[in-house]
C-alpha atoms as a PDB file:
ATOM      1  CA  MET A   1    -146.242  67.697  61.958  1.00  0.00           C
ATOM      2  CA  THR A   2    -144.684  69.916  59.338  1.00  0.00           C
ATOM      3  CA  ALA A   3    -144.544  68.964  55.654  1.00  0.00           C
ATOM      4  CA  ARG A   4    -140.773  68.448  55.952  1.00  0.00           C
ATOM      5  CA  MET A   5    -141.138  66.087  58.922  1.00  0.00           C
ATOM      6  CA  THR A   6    -143.872  64.188  57.096  1.00  0.00           C
ATOM      7  CA  ALA A   7    -141.645  63.880  54.018  1.00  0.00           C
ATOM      8  CA  ILE A   8    -138.939  62.272  56.186  1.00  0.00           C
ATOM      9  CA  ALA A   9    -141.142  60.138  58.439  1.00  0.00           C
ATOM     10  CA  LEU A  10    -143.441  58.570  55.834  1.00  0.00           C
ATOM     11  CA  PRO A  11    -140.740  57.003  53.601  1.00  0.00           C
ATOM     12  CA  ALA A  12    -138.904  55.774  56.702  1.00  0.00           C
ATOM     13  CA  ALA A  13    -142.110  54.222  58.071  1.00  0.00           C
ATOM     14  CA  ALA A  14    -142.843  52.503  54.768  1.00  0.00           C
ATOM     15  CA  THR A  15    -139.311  51.095  54.660  1.00  0.00           C
ATOM     16  CA  ALA A  16    -139.544  49.809  58.244  1.00  0.00           C
ATOM     17  CA  LEU A  17    -142.923  48.192  57.595  1.00  0.00           C
ATOM     18  CA  THR A  18    -141.634  46.525  54.420  1.00  0.00           C
ATOM     19  CA  VAL A  19    -138.568  45.145  56.209  1.00  0.00           C
ATOM     20  CA  GLY A  20    -140.827  43.905  59.007  1.00  0.00           C
ATOM     21  CA  ALA A  21    -143.076  42.094  56.559  1.00  0.00           C
ATOM     22  CA  LEU A  22    -140.060  40.323  55.065  1.00  0.00           C
ATOM     23  CA  THR A  23    -139.034  39.011  58.495  1.00  0.00           C
ATOM     24  CA  ALA A  24    -142.490  37.670  59.329  1.00  0.00           C
ATOM     25  CA  THR A  25    -141.297  34.133  58.674  1.00  0.00           C
ATOM     26  CA  ALA A  26    -138.649  34.137  61.411  1.00  0.00           C
ATOM     27  CA  ALA A  27    -138.357  31.147  63.742  1.00  0.00           C
ATOM     28  CA  PRO A  28    -140.870  30.840  66.611  1.00  0.00           C
ATOM     29  CA  ALA A  29    -139.965  31.885  70.149  1.00  0.00           C
ATOM     30  CA  ALA A  30    -138.275  29.530  72.610  1.00  0.00           C
ATOM     31  CA  ALA A  31    -140.402  27.186  74.748  1.00  0.00           C
ATOM     32  CA  ASP A  32    -139.176  28.263  78.244  1.00  0.00           C
ATOM     33  CA  GLY A  33    -138.745  32.000  78.043  1.00  0.00           C
ATOM     34  CA  GLY A  34    -136.905  33.812  75.351  1.00  0.00           C
ATOM     35  CA  THR A  35    -137.147  36.391  72.628  1.00  0.00           C
ATOM     36  CA  PHE A  36    -140.248  37.587  70.813  1.00  0.00           C
ATOM     37  CA  GLN A  37    -140.085  38.150  67.071  1.00  0.00           C
ATOM     38  CA  PRO A  38    -138.579  41.575  66.183  1.00  0.00           C
ATOM     39  CA  VAL A  39    -141.178  44.245  65.396  1.00  0.00           C
ATOM     40  CA  TYR A  40    -141.045  47.365  63.219  1.00  0.00           C
ATOM     41  CA  SER A  41    -143.384  50.078  64.429  1.00  0.00           C
ATOM     42  CA  LEU A  42    -144.459  53.662  64.124  1.00  0.00           C
ATOM     43  CA  ALA A  43    -143.928  55.547  67.370  1.00  0.00           C
ATOM     44  CA  GLN A  44    -145.844  58.354  69.031  1.00  0.00           C
ATOM     45  CA  GLY A  45    -144.014  61.282  67.434  1.00  0.00           C
ATOM     46  CA  ALA A  46    -142.088  61.522  64.172  1.00  0.00           C
ATOM     47  CA  CYS A  47    -140.188  58.229  64.581  1.00  0.00           C
ATOM     48  CA  VAL A  48    -140.151  54.637  63.435  1.00  0.00           C
ATOM     49  CA  ALA A  49    -138.780  51.925  65.705  1.00  0.00           C
ATOM     50  CA  GLN A  50    -137.129  48.549  65.548  1.00  0.00           C
ATOM     51  CA  LEU A  51    -138.267  46.727  68.685  1.00  0.00           C
ATOM     52  CA  ASP A  52    -136.702  43.690  70.371  1.00  0.00           C
ATOM     53  CA  THR A  53    -138.385  42.178  73.443  1.00  0.00           C
ATOM     54  CA  SER A  54    -137.970  39.109  75.619  1.00  0.00           C
ATOM     55  CA  VAL A  55    -139.357  37.497  78.758  1.00  0.00           C
ATOM     56  CA  ASN A  56    -137.602  35.000  81.019  1.00  0.00           C
ATOM     57  CA  GLY A  57    -138.757  33.212  84.140  1.00  0.00           C
ATOM     58  CA  ASP A  58    -136.716  32.828  87.320  1.00  0.00           C
ATOM     59  CA  ALA A  59    -134.830  36.057  86.649  1.00  0.00           C
ATOM     60  CA  TYR A  60    -134.806  36.634  90.430  1.00  0.00           C
ATOM     61  CA  PRO A  61    -136.462  34.535  93.159  1.00  0.00           C
ATOM     62  CA  GLU A  62    -140.167  34.306  92.220  1.00  0.00           C
ATOM     63  CA  HIS A  63    -139.759  37.030  89.562  1.00  0.00           C
ATOM     64  CA  ALA A  64    -139.593  37.119  85.781  1.00  0.00           C
ATOM     65  CA  ALA A  65    -137.866  39.696  83.556  1.00  0.00           C
ATOM     66  CA  PHE A  66    -139.373  41.638  80.650  1.00  0.00           C
ATOM     67  CA  THR A  67    -136.715  43.348  78.550  1.00  0.00           C
ATOM     68  CA  VAL A  68    -137.340  45.947  75.865  1.00  0.00           C
ATOM     69  CA  SER A  69    -134.758  47.357  73.463  1.00  0.00           C
ATOM     70  CA  THR A  70    -135.505  49.829  70.662  1.00  0.00           C
ATOM     71  CA  ILE A  71    -133.719  51.820  68.036  1.00  0.00           C
ATOM     72  CA  MET A  72    -135.889  54.755  66.995  1.00  0.00           C
ATOM     73  CA  PHE A  73    -135.190  56.761  63.860  1.00  0.00           C
ATOM     74  CA  GLY A  74    -136.809  60.163  63.519  1.00  0.00           C
ATOM     75  CA  VAL A  75    -136.994  63.801  64.419  1.00  0.00           C
ATOM     76  CA  GLY A  76    -137.918  65.223  67.800  1.00  0.00           C
ATOM     77  CA  PRO A  77    -139.039  63.346  70.885  1.00  0.00           C
ATOM     78  CA  CYS A  78    -141.013  60.124  70.459  1.00  0.00           C
ATOM     79  CA  THR A  79    -142.284  57.323  72.662  1.00  0.00           C
ATOM     80  CA  LEU A  80    -143.447  53.750  72.183  1.00  0.00           C
ATOM     81  CA  PRO A  81    -145.413  51.932  74.894  1.00  0.00           C
ATOM     82  CA  VAL A  82    -144.833  48.167  74.900  1.00  0.00           C
ATOM     83  CA  THR A  83    -146.961  45.881  77.085  1.00  0.00           C
ATOM     84  CA  LEU A  84    -146.274  42.288  78.125  1.00  0.00           C
ATOM     85  CA  ASN A  85    -149.580  40.467  78.700  1.00  0.00           C
ATOM     86  CA  TRP A  86    -149.199  37.236  80.683  1.00  0.00           C
ATOM     87  CA  ARG A  87    -151.488  34.391  81.712  1.00  0.00           C
ATOM     88  CA  ASN A  88    -150.711  31.760  84.355  1.00  0.00           C
ATOM     89  CA  LEU A  89    -151.514  28.381  82.768  1.00  0.00           C
ATOM     90  CA  ASP A  90    -151.870  26.740  86.208  1.00  0.00           C
ATOM     91  CA  THR A  91    -154.173  29.240  87.957  1.00  0.00           C
ATOM     92  CA  GLY A  92    -155.696  31.278  85.123  1.00  0.00           C
ATOM     93  CA  ALA A  93    -154.454  34.542  86.671  1.00  0.00           C
ATOM     94  CA  THR A  94    -153.618  37.313  84.182  1.00  0.00           C
ATOM     95  CA  GLY A  95    -151.698  40.542  84.262  1.00  0.00           C
ATOM     96  CA  SER A  96    -149.643  42.995  82.275  1.00  0.00           C
ATOM     97  CA  VAL A  97    -146.461  45.029  82.528  1.00  0.00           C
ATOM     98  CA  THR A  98    -145.849  48.145  80.394  1.00  0.00           C
ATOM     99  CA  ARG A  99    -142.534  49.770  79.536  1.00  0.00           C
ATOM    100  CA  THR A 100    -142.347  52.990  77.493  1.00  0.00           C
ATOM    101  CA  ALA A 101    -139.364  53.431  75.210  1.00  0.00           C
ATOM    102  CA  ASN A 102    -138.115  56.966  74.472  1.00  0.00           C
ATOM    103  CA  GLY A 103    -136.378  58.160  71.324  1.00  0.00           C
ATOM    104  CA  PRO A 104    -134.960  58.917  68.927  1.00  0.00           C
ATOM    105  CA  GLY A 105    -131.883  56.742  69.319  1.00  0.00           C
ATOM    106  CA  HIS A 106    -131.266  53.545  71.264  1.00  0.00           C
ATOM    107  CA  TRP A 107    -133.290  52.834  74.414  1.00  0.00           C
ATOM    108  CA  MET A 108    -133.507  49.796  76.680  1.00  0.00           C
ATOM    109  CA  ASN A 109    -134.708  49.097  80.190  1.00  0.00           C
ATOM    110  CA  ASP A 110    -132.144  48.089  82.775  1.00  0.00           C
ATOM    111  CA  GLY A 111    -132.058  44.834  84.743  1.00  0.00           C
ATOM    112  CA  ARG A 112    -133.902  46.071  87.804  1.00  0.00           C
ATOM    113  CA  SER A 113    -136.724  47.743  85.843  1.00  0.00           C
ATOM    114  CA  ALA A 114    -137.181  44.527  83.846  1.00  0.00           C
ATOM    115  CA  LEU A 115    -138.283  42.525  86.916  1.00  0.00           C
ATOM    116  CA  PHE A 116    -141.936  41.818  87.646  1.00  0.00           C
ATOM    117  CA  ARG A 117    -143.703  39.328  89.937  1.00  0.00           C
ATOM    118  CA  PRO A 118    -146.480  37.364  88.177  1.00  0.00           C
ATOM    119  CA  GLY A 119    -146.618  34.598  90.814  1.00  0.00           C
ATOM    120  CA  VAL A 120    -145.410  31.004  90.616  1.00  0.00           C
ATOM    121  CA  GLY A 121    -146.288  28.668  87.748  1.00  0.00           C
ATOM    122  CA  ARG A 122    -146.209  28.162  84.005  1.00  0.00           C
ATOM    123  CA  PHE A 123    -147.022  31.210  81.871  1.00  0.00           C
ATOM    124  CA  THR A 124    -147.693  32.256  78.322  1.00  0.00           C
ATOM    125  CA  ALA A 125    -147.055  35.837  77.255  1.00  0.00           C
ATOM    126  CA  THR A 126    -147.818  38.108  74.305  1.00  0.00           C
ATOM    127  CA  ILE A 127    -146.750  41.647  73.444  1.00  0.00           C
ATOM    128  CA  THR A 128    -148.975  44.631  72.660  1.00  0.00           C
ATOM    129  CA  VAL A 129    -147.262  47.484  70.819  1.00  0.00           C
ATOM    130  CA  GLY A 130    -148.880  50.914  71.228  1.00  0.00           C
ATOM    131  CA  ALA A 131    -148.745  51.865  67.528  1.00  0.00           C
ATOM    132  CA  ALA A 132    -149.097  50.414  64.028  1.00  0.00           C
ATOM    133  CA  HIS A 133    -146.522  47.632  63.599  1.00  0.00           C
ATOM    134  CA  VAL A 134    -145.500  44.536  61.659  1.00  0.00           C
ATOM    135  CA  PRO A 135    -145.241  41.618  62.191  1.00  0.00           C
ATOM    136  CA  GLU A 136    -147.101  40.372  65.246  1.00  0.00           C
ATOM    137  CA  PRO A 137    -144.461  39.368  67.826  1.00  0.00           C
ATOM    138  CA  GLY A 138    -145.997  35.966  68.659  1.00  0.00           C
ATOM    139  CA  SER A 139    -145.981  34.416  72.122  1.00  0.00           C
ATOM    140  CA  VAL A 140    -143.389  33.069  74.548  1.00  0.00           C
ATOM    141  CA  ASP A 141    -143.859  30.524  77.349  1.00  0.00           C
ATOM    142  CA  PHE A 142    -141.929  30.866  80.610  1.00  0.00           C
ATOM    143  CA  THR A 143    -141.882  29.405  84.125  1.00  0.00           C
ATOM    144  CA  VAL A 144    -141.456  30.987  87.552  1.00  0.00           C
ATOM    145  CA  THR A 145    -140.618  28.493  90.304  1.00  0.00           C
ATOM    146  CA  GLU A 146    -141.169  28.791  94.038  1.00  0.00           C
ATOM    147  CA  TYR A 147    -138.122  30.110  95.878  1.00  0.00           C
ATOM    148  CA  ARG A 148    -136.609  27.621  98.312  1.00  0.00           C
ATOM    149  CA  GLY A 149    -133.764  29.398 100.105  1.00  0.00           C
END
């Protein structure tokens, strides 16, 4: 990273982290699927990102949906891997789904790429962000029911 890129990226990162810290007291996520707390993160490259994520059960028969939306500010290409980690509360099964946002600019996954199949049951989910970030996004509970066509 050049000195000029560092001079731009570091103040922007500090601003994003400060704003993120101020929003750490936002309301908790919904009980049956919903939105995680917004996150402010450094990205891989000379970017900072505002990250919005959600998970919802029954998005398609026996599927859930993991949506990721970012706005990345910076110079040059950058990426931000975001992983949904889920646990089935009925069976104990676990799994994860990763989406990688690309920037700078706005990025979001489309409806079809949001779908994943964790099985049937009640779930709890957390988010892992692949770079330094604030605040922690919390957890969201969701349900996937058996399809009866």
